[in-house]
């Protein structure tokens, strides 16, 4: 069970690394805000 959790955390960290440049780019900032407000 712990192995699965660790694998999930690692996957999540990798996702954050991939999405960070997208999230912080000015073009997608408005789009992200729209996604979170709905």
Protein backbone atom coordinates (compact mmCIF):
# COMPACT_ATOMS: atom_id res chain seq x y z
CA UNK A 1 0.00 0.00 0.00
CA UNK A 2 2.77 2.42 0.91
CA UNK A 3 4.55 1.60 -2.33
CA UNK A 4 1.46 2.58 -4.28
CA UNK A 5 1.17 5.83 -2.33
CA UNK A 6 4.80 6.68 -3.00
CA UNK A 7 4.31 5.94 -6.68
CA UNK A 8 1.29 8.24 -6.74
CA UNK A 9 3.22 11.04 -5.01
CA UNK A 10 6.07 10.71 -7.49
CA UNK A 11 3.65 10.83 -10.41
CA UNK A 12 2.01 13.89 -8.91
CA UNK A 13 5.39 15.62 -8.51
CA UNK A 14 6.23 14.85 -12.13
CA UNK A 15 2.88 16.26 -13.21
CA UNK A 16 3.59 19.46 -11.27
CA UNK A 17 6.97 19.79 -13.00
CA UNK A 18 5.32 19.36 -16.39
CA UNK A 19 2.39 21.70 -15.73
CA UNK A 20 4.31 24.41 -13.84
CA UNK A 21 5.55 26.22 -16.99
CA UNK A 22 2.04 26.08 -18.43
CA UNK A 23 0.44 27.33 -15.21
CA UNK A 24 2.77 30.27 -14.86
CA UNK A 25 2.64 31.40 -18.47
CA UNK A 26 0.51 34.53 -18.97
CA UNK A 27 -1.49 32.97 -21.79
CA UNK A 28 -2.96 30.19 -19.69
CA UNK A 29 -3.36 32.17 -16.46
CA UNK A 30 -6.85 33.38 -17.38
CA UNK A 31 -7.80 29.90 -18.58
CA UNK A 32 -6.71 28.35 -15.27
CA UNK A 33 -8.70 30.96 -13.33
CA UNK A 34 -11.79 30.11 -15.35
CA UNK A 35 -11.30 26.42 -14.62
CA UNK A 36 -11.00 27.00 -10.87
CA UNK A 37 -13.93 29.41 -10.56
CA UNK A 38 -16.45 27.03 -12.14
